[in-house]
Amino acid sequence: MIHLRDVTYFYPRATVPALAGLSLDVPAGQFCAVIGANGAGKSTLCYTLAGFVPHFYRGKLTGQVEVAGVDVPAASLAAIAGQVGLVFANPFNQITGARFTVREEIAFGLENLGVPLDEMRARIDDILSFAKLTELAERSPFALSGGQQQRLAIASVLVMRPPLVVLDEPTSQLDPIGSKEVFAVLRDLAATDEATVVLAEQKLEWVAVFADRVIVLHEGRIVADGPPGDVLASGDLTQYGLQPTRYTQAARAALAAGLRRDSAELPVTLEEAVEYFK
């Protein structure tokens, strides 16, 4: 689904690359989380996958970027948009303001594509159910909570049925309940094999629960890549400006205090911590 080879990118007038020699392969149907400190290159990677780099932000891009069989630097944004759906951190940036209800907002993209009415209705009903928005279908998008608005933004992308969904910190403005709602929708999406999900995120405790794979970016490079339990329990996270989950921190404190002496794997989720401290 995603094939990057030796990708380096400089924003216009920048002297330091935002991405530096980055290579990455992501298979279809995977939920891949990208983590890193501010400035690590997470958003730039998202924009590269969606074609905003280099077609919108310009700058200098070298290396190979292929997404869903599309050569991103050579293709038009219109061609890339049919393969990649991008969700921003702030749902207000994606709600059009041109429609009065949640149902109409989701229909907006399909209308612009000229999708037949019967197919449009079926797709909208399906995605409303999938995103748990059916009961809110006739409500104004601006009358929704933050979590509901973000689910609407995601639904408006998913209804277009892109093979790849890229999300740039979509829970940054949400409370724990809203964050969990968004992560659950993404997990269910990847689990159905209907789309590949790449998520840039800072909330490591939710990443640990829901993601299939975690990639750590630092100064535009991949410095760790693997299952959540391996990556998030690593002692190397702090040198990249990241803090382990509270459960990992508690386990390390227990080891330091002599309360645990075995070599059991450190927990990264609440469920693992419960078992660890039994």
C-alpha atoms as a PDB file:
ATOM      1  CA  MET A   1       0.000   0.000   0.000  1.00  0.00           C
ATOM      2  CA  ILE A   2       2.787   2.446   0.987  1.00  0.00           C
ATOM      3  CA  HIS A   3       6.267   2.268  -0.465  1.00  0.00           C
ATOM      4  CA  LEU A   4       8.790   4.997   0.441  1.00  0.00           C
ATOM      5  CA  ARG A   5      12.469   4.782  -0.418  1.00  0.00           C
ATOM      6  CA  ASP A   6      15.146   7.236   0.742  1.00  0.00           C
ATOM      7  CA  VAL A   7      12.665  10.115   0.955  1.00  0.00           C
ATOM      8  CA  THR A   8      14.160  13.493   1.852  1.00  0.00           C
ATOM      9  CA  TYR A   9      12.147  16.695   1.897  1.00  0.00           C
ATOM     10  CA  PHE A  10      13.032  20.346   2.505  1.00  0.00           C
ATOM     11  CA  TYR A  11      10.288  22.939   2.973  1.00  0.00           C
ATOM     12  CA  PRO A  12      10.855  26.107   0.898  1.00  0.00           C
ATOM     13  CA  ARG A  13      13.812  28.122   2.214  1.00  0.00           C
ATOM     14  CA  ALA A  14      14.530  25.505   4.914  1.00  0.00           C
ATOM     15  CA  THR A  15      18.124  24.420   5.465  1.00  0.00           C
ATOM     16  CA  VAL A  16      17.291  21.343   7.571  1.00  0.00           C
ATOM     17  CA  PRO A  17      15.209  18.532   6.051  1.00  0.00           C
ATOM     18  CA  ALA A  18      11.805  17.716   7.547  1.00  0.00           C
ATOM     19  CA  LEU A  19      12.252  14.137   6.306  1.00  0.00           C
ATOM     20  CA  ALA A  20      15.743  12.692   5.955  1.00  0.00           C
ATOM     21  CA  GLY A  21      16.422   9.505   4.010  1.00  0.00           C
ATOM     22  CA  LEU A  22      13.184   7.899   5.186  1.00  0.00           C
ATOM     23  CA  SER A  23      12.209   4.437   3.900  1.00  0.00           C
ATOM     24  CA  LEU A  24       8.939   2.767   4.857  1.00  0.00           C
ATOM     25  CA  ASP A  25       6.634  -0.016   3.691  1.00  0.00           C
ATOM     26  CA  VAL A  26       3.093  -0.391   5.052  1.00  0.00           C
ATOM     27  CA  PRO A  27       0.963  -3.329   3.847  1.00  0.00           C
ATOM     28  CA  ALA A  28      -2.735  -3.045   3.078  1.00  0.00           C
ATOM     29  CA  GLY A  29      -5.076  -3.351   6.065  1.00  0.00           C
ATOM     30  CA  GLN A  30      -2.556  -2.295   8.713  1.00  0.00           C
ATOM     31  CA  PHE A  31      -3.213   0.271  11.465  1.00  0.00           C
ATOM     32  CA  CYS A  32       0.170   2.010  11.701  1.00  0.00           C
ATOM     33  CA  ALA A  33       0.746   4.710  14.330  1.00  0.00           C
ATOM     34  CA  VAL A  34       3.491   7.310  13.885  1.00  0.00           C
ATOM     35  CA  ILE A  35       4.789   8.947  17.069  1.00  0.00           C
ATOM     36  CA  GLY A  36       7.491  11.473  17.853  1.00  0.00           C
ATOM     37  CA  ALA A  37       8.159  14.779  19.572  1.00  0.00           C
ATOM     38  CA  ASN A  38       7.050  18.065  18.044  1.00  0.00           C
ATOM     39  CA  GLY A  39       9.091  18.734  14.922  1.00  0.00           C
ATOM     40  CA  ALA A  40       9.965  15.079  14.398  1.00  0.00           C
ATOM     41  CA  GLY A  41       8.347  15.033  10.943  1.00  0.00           C
ATOM     42  CA  LYS A  42       4.972  13.388  11.664  1.00  0.00           C
ATOM     43  CA  SER A  43       2.812  15.961   9.896  1.00  0.00           C
ATOM     44  CA  THR A  44       5.243  16.176   6.989  1.00  0.00           C
ATOM     45  CA  LEU A  45       5.035  12.419   6.521  1.00  0.00           C
ATOM     46  CA  CYS A  46       1.229  12.644   6.493  1.00  0.00           C
ATOM     47  CA  TYR A  47       1.314  15.463   3.945  1.00  0.00           C
ATOM     48  CA  THR A  48       3.755  13.492   1.788  1.00  0.00           C
ATOM     49  CA  LEU A  49       1.502  10.440   1.720  1.00  0.00           C
ATOM     50  CA  ALA A  50      -1.465  12.643   0.755  1.00  0.00           C
ATOM     51  CA  GLY A  51       0.458  14.518  -1.942  1.00  0.00           C
ATOM     52  CA  PHE A  52       0.386  17.908  -0.221  1.00  0.00           C
ATOM     53  CA  VAL A  53       4.162  17.471  -0.316  1.00  0.00           C
ATOM     54  CA  PRO A  54       5.347  18.461  -2.859  1.00  0.00           C
ATOM     55  CA  HIS A  55       2.259  19.604  -4.813  1.00  0.00           C
ATOM     56  CA  PHE A  56       0.923  22.145  -2.294  1.00  0.00           C
ATOM     57  CA  TYR A  57       3.822  23.006   0.004  1.00  0.00           C
ATOM     58  CA  ARG A  58       6.363  22.809  -2.827  1.00  0.00           C
ATOM     59  CA  GLY A  59       9.940  22.647  -1.553  1.00  0.00           C
ATOM     60  CA  LYS A  60      12.422  19.966  -2.589  1.00  0.00           C
ATOM     61  CA  LEU A  61      11.460  16.277  -2.471  1.00  0.00           C
ATOM     62  CA  THR A  62      13.775  13.435  -3.463  1.00  0.00           C
ATOM     63  CA  GLY A  63      13.336   9.683  -3.272  1.00  0.00           C
ATOM     64  CA  GLN A  64      10.467   7.378  -4.179  1.00  0.00           C
ATOM     65  CA  VAL A  65       6.929   7.923  -2.854  1.00  0.00           C
ATOM     66  CA  GLU A  66       4.373   5.373  -4.021  1.00  0.00           C
ATOM     67  CA  VAL A  67       0.919   5.066  -2.456  1.00  0.00           C
ATOM     68  CA  ALA A  68      -1.715   2.562  -3.626  1.00  0.00           C
ATOM     69  CA  GLY A  69       0.191   2.169  -6.876  1.00  0.00           C
ATOM     70  CA  VAL A  70       0.340   5.941  -7.500  1.00  0.00           C
ATOM     71  CA  ASP A  71       3.662   7.716  -8.021  1.00  0.00           C
ATOM     72  CA  VAL A  72       2.889  10.676  -5.746  1.00  0.00           C
ATOM     73  CA  PRO A  73       5.435  13.239  -7.047  1.00  0.00           C
ATOM     74  CA  ALA A  74       4.460  12.545 -10.663  1.00  0.00           C
ATOM     75  CA  ALA A  75       0.676  12.368 -10.171  1.00  0.00           C
ATOM     76  CA  SER A  76      -1.781  15.230  -9.814  1.00  0.00           C
ATOM     77  CA  LEU A  77      -3.447  16.013  -6.496  1.00  0.00           C
ATOM     78  CA  ALA A  78      -6.755  15.001  -8.071  1.00  0.00           C
ATOM     79  CA  ALA A  79      -5.392  11.543  -8.872  1.00  0.00           C
ATOM     80  CA  ILE A  80      -3.907  11.159  -5.387  1.00  0.00           C
ATOM     81  CA  ALA A  81      -7.141  12.307  -3.703  1.00  0.00           C
ATOM     82  CA  GLY A  82      -8.906   9.259  -5.111  1.00  0.00           C
ATOM     83  CA  GLN A  83      -6.478   6.989  -3.258  1.00  0.00           C
ATOM     84  CA  VAL A  84      -5.722   8.855  -0.019  1.00  0.00           C
ATOM     85  CA  GLY A  85      -8.057  10.500   2.482  1.00  0.00           C
ATOM     86  CA  LEU A  86      -6.443  13.019   4.853  1.00  0.00           C
ATOM     87  CA  VAL A  87      -7.967  13.966   8.220  1.00  0.00           C
ATOM     88  CA  PHE A  88      -6.571  17.012  10.010  1.00  0.00           C
ATOM     89  CA  ALA A  89      -6.151  17.599  13.744  1.00  0.00           C
ATOM     90  CA  ASN A  90      -8.954  20.169  13.896  1.00  0.00           C
ATOM     91  CA  PRO A  91     -12.329  18.973  12.535  1.00  0.00           C
ATOM     92  CA  PHE A  92     -13.382  22.598  11.992  1.00  0.00           C
ATOM     93  CA  ASN A  93     -10.872  22.679   9.129  1.00  0.00           C
ATOM     94  CA  GLN A  94     -12.822  19.946   7.346  1.00  0.00           C
ATOM     95  CA  ILE A  95     -16.461  20.794   8.037  1.00  0.00           C
ATOM     96  CA  THR A  96     -17.549  22.711   4.959  1.00  0.00           C
ATOM     97  CA  GLY A  97     -20.138  24.990   6.559  1.00  0.00           C
ATOM     98  CA  ALA A  98     -22.091  24.628   3.306  1.00  0.00           C
ATOM     99  CA  ARG A  99     -24.498  21.962   4.610  1.00  0.00           C
ATOM    100  CA  PHE A 100     -27.025  22.038   7.437  1.00  0.00           C
ATOM    101  CA  THR A 101     -27.023  18.451   8.707  1.00  0.00           C
ATOM    102  CA  VAL A 102     -24.542  15.674   9.397  1.00  0.00           C
ATOM    103  CA  ARG A 103     -26.064  13.589   6.590  1.00  0.00           C
ATOM    104  CA  GLU A 104     -25.694  16.422   4.075  1.00  0.00           C
ATOM    105  CA  GLU A 105     -22.118  17.092   5.198  1.00  0.00           C
ATOM    106  CA  ILE A 106     -21.145  13.474   4.550  1.00  0.00           C
ATOM    107  CA  ALA A 107     -22.884  13.625   1.170  1.00  0.00           C
ATOM    108  CA  PHE A 108     -20.922  16.696   0.064  1.00  0.00           C
ATOM    109  CA  GLY A 109     -17.908  14.868  -1.384  1.00  0.00           C
ATOM    110  CA  LEU A 110     -20.049  12.223  -3.071  1.00  0.00           C
ATOM    111  CA  GLU A 111     -22.154  14.929  -4.709  1.00  0.00           C
ATOM    112  CA  ASN A 112     -19.029  16.532  -6.150  1.00  0.00           C
ATOM    113  CA  LEU A 113     -17.992  13.163  -7.594  1.00  0.00           C
ATOM    114  CA  GLY A 114     -21.396  12.676  -9.203  1.00  0.00           C
ATOM    115  CA  VAL A 115     -22.093   9.400  -7.379  1.00  0.00           C
ATOM    116  CA  PRO A 116     -25.576   8.080  -8.298  1.00  0.00           C
ATOM    117  CA  LEU A 117     -28.247   8.949  -5.736  1.00  0.00           C
ATOM    118  CA  ASP A 118     -29.129   5.377  -4.709  1.00  0.00           C
ATOM    119  CA  GLU A 119     -25.475   4.489  -4.184  1.00  0.00           C
ATOM    120  CA  MET A 120     -24.912   7.733  -2.312  1.00  0.00           C
ATOM    121  CA  ARG A 121     -27.750   7.020   0.104  1.00  0.00           C
ATOM    122  CA  ALA A 122     -26.487   3.490   0.751  1.00  0.00           C
ATOM    123  CA  ARG A 123     -22.927   4.688   1.381  1.00  0.00           C
ATOM    124  CA  ILE A 124     -24.084   7.430   3.734  1.00  0.00           C
ATOM    125  CA  ASP A 125     -26.266   5.074   5.765  1.00  0.00           C
ATOM    126  CA  ASP A 126     -23.401   2.604   6.035  1.00  0.00           C
ATOM    127  CA  ILE A 127     -20.856   5.173   7.184  1.00  0.00           C
ATOM    128  CA  LEU A 128     -23.292   6.789   9.637  1.00  0.00           C
ATOM    129  CA  SER A 129     -23.708   3.403  11.281  1.00  0.00           C
ATOM    130  CA  PHE A 130     -19.998   2.630  11.174  1.00  0.00           C
ATOM    131  CA  ALA A 131     -19.040   5.965  12.764  1.00  0.00           C
ATOM    132  CA  LYS A 132     -21.895   5.737  15.301  1.00  0.00           C
ATOM    133  CA  LEU A 133     -23.521   8.893  13.958  1.00  0.00           C
ATOM    134  CA  THR A 134     -26.909   7.518  12.852  1.00  0.00           C
ATOM    135  CA  GLU A 135     -28.830   9.152  15.687  1.00  0.00           C
ATOM    136  CA  LEU A 136     -27.128  12.474  14.910  1.00  0.00           C
ATOM    137  CA  ALA A 137     -27.753  12.395  11.153  1.00  0.00           C
ATOM    138  CA  GLU A 138     -30.212  15.301  11.121  1.00  0.00           C
ATOM    139  CA  ARG A 139     -28.334  17.442  13.613  1.00  0.00           C
ATOM    140  CA  SER A 140     -26.224  20.432  12.628  1.00  0.00           C
ATOM    141  CA  PRO A 141     -22.491  19.618  12.401  1.00  0.00           C
ATOM    142  CA  PHE A 142     -21.860  22.619  14.627  1.00  0.00           C
ATOM    143  CA  ALA A 143     -24.121  21.224  17.369  1.00  0.00           C
ATOM    144  CA  LEU A 144     -21.900  18.169  17.872  1.00  0.00           C
ATOM    145  CA  SER A 145     -19.308  17.569  20.560  1.00  0.00           C
ATOM    146  CA  GLY A 146     -15.617  17.603  19.652  1.00  0.00           C
ATOM    147  CA  GLY A 147     -15.460  13.817  19.467  1.00  0.00           C
ATOM    148  CA  GLN A 148     -18.599  13.671  17.361  1.00  0.00           C
ATOM    149  CA  GLN A 149     -17.271  16.347  15.000  1.00  0.00           C
ATOM    150  CA  GLN A 150     -14.031  14.436  14.561  1.00  0.00           C
ATOM    151  CA  ARG A 151     -15.984  11.264  13.813  1.00  0.00           C
ATOM    152  CA  LEU A 152     -17.939  13.295  11.252  1.00  0.00           C
ATOM    153  CA  ALA A 153     -14.698  14.516   9.658  1.00  0.00           C
ATOM    154  CA  ILE A 154     -13.453  10.930   9.496  1.00  0.00           C
ATOM    155  CA  ALA A 155     -16.791   9.683   8.123  1.00  0.00           C
ATOM    156  CA  SER A 156     -16.726  12.357   5.410  1.00  0.00           C
ATOM    157  CA  VAL A 157     -13.375  10.948   4.273  1.00  0.00           C
ATOM    158  CA  LEU A 158     -14.253   7.273   4.649  1.00  0.00           C
ATOM    159  CA  VAL A 159     -17.463   7.589   2.647  1.00  0.00           C
ATOM    160  CA  MET A 160     -15.255   8.335  -0.370  1.00  0.00           C
ATOM    161  CA  ARG A 161     -13.726   4.856   0.173  1.00  0.00           C
ATOM    162  CA  PRO A 162     -10.024   5.711  -0.225  1.00  0.00           C
ATOM    163  CA  PRO A 163      -7.666   2.722   0.088  1.00  0.00           C
ATOM    164  CA  LEU A 164      -5.463   4.740   2.477  1.00  0.00           C
ATOM    165  CA  VAL A 165      -6.642   6.938   5.351  1.00  0.00           C
ATOM    166  CA  VAL A 166      -4.033   9.294   6.869  1.00  0.00           C
ATOM    167  CA  LEU A 167      -4.761  11.185  10.083  1.00  0.00           C
ATOM    168  CA  ASP A 168      -2.627  13.955  11.555  1.00  0.00           C
ATOM    169  CA  GLU A 169      -3.180  13.987  15.340  1.00  0.00           C
ATOM    170  CA  PRO A 170      -6.991  13.785  15.076  1.00  0.00           C
ATOM    171  CA  THR A 171      -7.473  13.533  18.857  1.00  0.00           C
ATOM    172  CA  SER A 172      -5.297  16.491  19.861  1.00  0.00           C
ATOM    173  CA  GLN A 173      -8.320  18.555  20.923  1.00  0.00           C
ATOM    174  CA  LEU A 174     -10.436  15.731  22.342  1.00  0.00           C
ATOM    175  CA  ASP A 175     -11.056  14.491  25.867  1.00  0.00           C
ATOM    176  CA  PRO A 176     -10.347  10.838  26.764  1.00  0.00           C
ATOM    177  CA  ILE A 177     -13.848   9.683  25.798  1.00  0.00           C
ATOM    178  CA  GLY A 178     -13.710  11.439  22.429  1.00  0.00           C
ATOM    179  CA  SER A 179     -10.209  10.090  21.802  1.00  0.00           C
ATOM    180  CA  LYS A 180     -11.302   6.539  22.537  1.00  0.00           C
ATOM    181  CA  GLU A 181     -14.260   6.916  20.141  1.00  0.00           C
ATOM    182  CA  VAL A 182     -11.973   7.997  17.309  1.00  0.00           C
ATOM    183  CA  PHE A 183      -9.419   5.239  17.946  1.00  0.00           C
ATOM    184  CA  ALA A 184     -12.165   2.608  18.055  1.00  0.00           C
ATOM    185  CA  VAL A 185     -13.515   3.723  14.668  1.00  0.00           C
ATOM    186  CA  LEU A 186     -10.029   3.516  13.145  1.00  0.00           C
ATOM    187  CA  ARG A 187      -9.368   0.089  14.635  1.00  0.00           C
ATOM    188  CA  ASP A 188     -12.666  -1.212  13.264  1.00  0.00           C
ATOM    189  CA  LEU A 189     -11.835   0.232   9.848  1.00  0.00           C
ATOM    190  CA  ALA A 190      -8.458  -1.476   9.629  1.00  0.00           C
ATOM    191  CA  ALA A 191      -9.901  -4.694  11.034  1.00  0.00           C
ATOM    192  CA  THR A 192     -12.353  -4.918   8.129  1.00  0.00           C
ATOM    193  CA  ASP A 193      -9.456  -4.648   5.631  1.00  0.00           C
ATOM    194  CA  GLU A 194     -11.406  -1.875   3.903  1.00  0.00           C
ATOM    195  CA  ALA A 195      -8.560   0.607   4.304  1.00  0.00           C
ATOM    196  CA  THR A 196      -5.022   1.034   5.517  1.00  0.00           C
ATOM    197  CA  VAL A 197      -4.685   3.527   8.381  1.00  0.00           C
ATOM    198  CA  VAL A 198      -1.664   5.731   9.125  1.00  0.00           C
ATOM    199  CA  LEU A 199      -2.131   7.802  12.257  1.00  0.00           C
ATOM    200  CA  ALA A 200       0.218  10.478  13.618  1.00  0.00           C
ATOM    201  CA  GLU A 201      -0.554  10.690  17.320  1.00  0.00           C
ATOM    202  CA  GLN A 202       0.802  11.790  20.709  1.00  0.00           C
ATOM    203  CA  LYS A 203      -1.528   9.827  23.003  1.00  0.00           C
ATOM    204  CA  LEU A 204       0.602   6.749  23.512  1.00  0.00           C
ATOM    205  CA  GLU A 205      -1.782   4.975  25.873  1.00  0.00           C
ATOM    206  CA  TRP A 206      -4.407   4.778  23.116  1.00  0.00           C
ATOM    207  CA  VAL A 207      -1.762   3.911  20.529  1.00  0.00           C
ATOM    208  CA  ALA A 208      -0.720   0.991  22.723  1.00  0.00           C
ATOM    209  CA  VAL A 209      -4.271  -0.369  22.814  1.00  0.00           C
ATOM    210  CA  PHE A 210      -5.385   0.071  19.228  1.00  0.00           C
ATOM    211  CA  ALA A 211      -2.442   0.170  16.773  1.00  0.00           C
ATOM    212  CA  ASP A 212      -0.959  -2.855  14.985  1.00  0.00           C
ATOM    213  CA  ARG A 213       2.423  -1.188  14.540  1.00  0.00           C
ATOM    214  CA  VAL A 214       4.266   1.830  15.942  1.00  0.00           C
ATOM    215  CA  ILE A 215       6.900   3.911  14.174  1.00  0.00           C
ATOM    216  CA  VAL A 216       9.002   6.483  16.046  1.00  0.00           C
ATOM    217  CA  LEU A 217      10.222   9.524  14.101  1.00  0.00           C
ATOM    218  CA  HIS A 218      13.106  11.711  15.238  1.00  0.00           C
ATOM    219  CA  GLU A 219      14.516  14.565  13.162  1.00  0.00           C
ATOM    220  CA  GLY A 220      12.800  13.201  10.075  1.00  0.00           C
ATOM    221  CA  ARG A 221      14.162   9.668  10.448  1.00  0.00           C
ATOM    222  CA  ILE A 222      12.637   6.395  11.610  1.00  0.00           C
ATOM    223  CA  VAL A 223      14.446   5.404  14.805  1.00  0.00           C
ATOM    224  CA  ALA A 224      12.144   2.585  15.975  1.00  0.00           C
ATOM    225  CA  ASP A 225       9.580   0.372  14.267  1.00  0.00           C
ATOM    226  CA  GLY A 226       7.656  -2.618  15.591  1.00  0.00           C
ATOM    227  CA  PRO A 227       4.702  -3.912  17.637  1.00  0.00           C
ATOM    228  CA  PRO A 228       3.345  -1.451  20.243  1.00  0.00           C
ATOM    229  CA  GLY A 229       4.506  -3.566  23.181  1.00  0.00           C
ATOM    230  CA  ASP A 230       8.091  -3.615  21.948  1.00  0.00           C
ATOM    231  CA  VAL A 231       8.385   0.011  20.876  1.00  0.00           C
ATOM    232  CA  LEU A 232       6.482   1.687  23.710  1.00  0.00           C
ATOM    233  CA  ALA A 233       8.218  -0.274  26.486  1.00  0.00           C
ATOM    234  CA  SER A 234      11.658   0.601  25.137  1.00  0.00           C
ATOM    235  CA  GLY A 235      13.969   2.622  27.337  1.00  0.00           C
ATOM    236  CA  ASP A 236      15.015   4.647  24.290  1.00  0.00           C
ATOM    237  CA  LEU A 237      11.818   6.697  24.057  1.00  0.00           C
ATOM    238  CA  THR A 238      12.980   9.456  26.383  1.00  0.00           C
ATOM    239  CA  GLN A 239      16.004  10.295  24.242  1.00  0.00           C
ATOM    240  CA  TYR A 240      13.568  11.091  21.425  1.00  0.00           C
ATOM    241  CA  GLY A 241      11.475  13.446  23.552  1.00  0.00           C
ATOM    242  CA  LEU A 242       8.751  10.904  24.389  1.00  0.00           C
ATOM    243  CA  GLN A 243       7.513   9.554  27.707  1.00  0.00           C
ATOM    244  CA  PRO A 244       6.392   5.929  28.163  1.00  0.00           C
ATOM    245  CA  THR A 245       2.797   5.244  29.151  1.00  0.00           C
ATOM    246  CA  ARG A 246       1.953   5.615  32.838  1.00  0.00           C
ATOM    247  CA  TYR A 247       1.752   1.843  33.100  1.00  0.00           C
ATOM    248  CA  THR A 248       5.309   1.373  31.886  1.00  0.00           C
ATOM    249  CA  GLN A 249       6.497   4.125  34.214  1.00  0.00           C
ATOM    250  CA  ALA A 250       4.768   2.445  37.171  1.00  0.00           C
ATOM    251  CA  ALA A 251       6.375  -0.907  36.341  1.00  0.00           C
ATOM    252  CA  ARG A 252       9.823   0.645  36.139  1.00  0.00           C
ATOM    253  CA  ALA A 253       9.269   2.368  39.478  1.00  0.00           C
ATOM    254  CA  ALA A 254       8.284  -0.975  40.994  1.00  0.00           C
ATOM    255  CA  LEU A 255      11.460  -2.568  39.657  1.00  0.00           C
ATOM    256  CA  ALA A 256      13.592   0.292  40.968  1.00  0.00           C
ATOM    257  CA  ALA A 257      11.991  -0.050  44.412  1.00  0.00           C
ATOM    258  CA  GLY A 258      12.635  -3.780  44.487  1.00  0.00           C
ATOM    259  CA  LEU A 259       8.918  -4.633  44.387  1.00  0.00           C
ATOM    260  CA  ARG A 260       9.429  -6.686  41.245  1.00  0.00           C
ATOM    261  CA  ARG A 261      12.522  -8.740  40.461  1.00  0.00           C
ATOM    262  CA  ASP A 262      11.449 -10.882  37.504  1.00  0.00           C
ATOM    263  CA  SER A 263      12.094 -10.282  33.824  1.00  0.00           C
ATOM    264  CA  ALA A 264       8.462 -10.075  32.715  1.00  0.00           C
ATOM    265  CA  GLU A 265       7.761  -7.728  29.799  1.00  0.00           C
ATOM    266  CA  LEU A 266       6.890  -4.226  30.921  1.00  0.00           C
ATOM    267  CA  PRO A 267       3.204  -3.321  30.474  1.00  0.00           C
ATOM    268  CA  VAL A 268       2.113  -0.572  28.074  1.00  0.00           C
ATOM    269  CA  THR A 269      -1.677  -0.824  28.548  1.00  0.00           C
ATOM    270  CA  LEU A 270      -3.985  -0.899  31.568  1.00  0.00           C
ATOM    271  CA  GLU A 271      -4.875  -4.546  30.974  1.00  0.00           C
ATOM    272  CA  GLU A 272      -1.210  -5.530  30.833  1.00  0.00           C
ATOM    273  CA  ALA A 273      -0.501  -3.539  33.986  1.00  0.00           C
ATOM    274  CA  VAL A 274      -3.268  -5.352  35.877  1.00  0.00           C
ATOM    275  CA  GLU A 275      -1.684  -8.687  34.997  1.00  0.00           C
ATOM    276  CA  TYR A 276       1.834  -7.420  35.732  1.00  0.00           C
ATOM    277  CA  PHE A 277       1.003  -6.247  39.251  1.00  0.00           C
ATOM    278  CA  LYS A 278      -1.106  -9.244  40.294  1.00  0.00           C
END
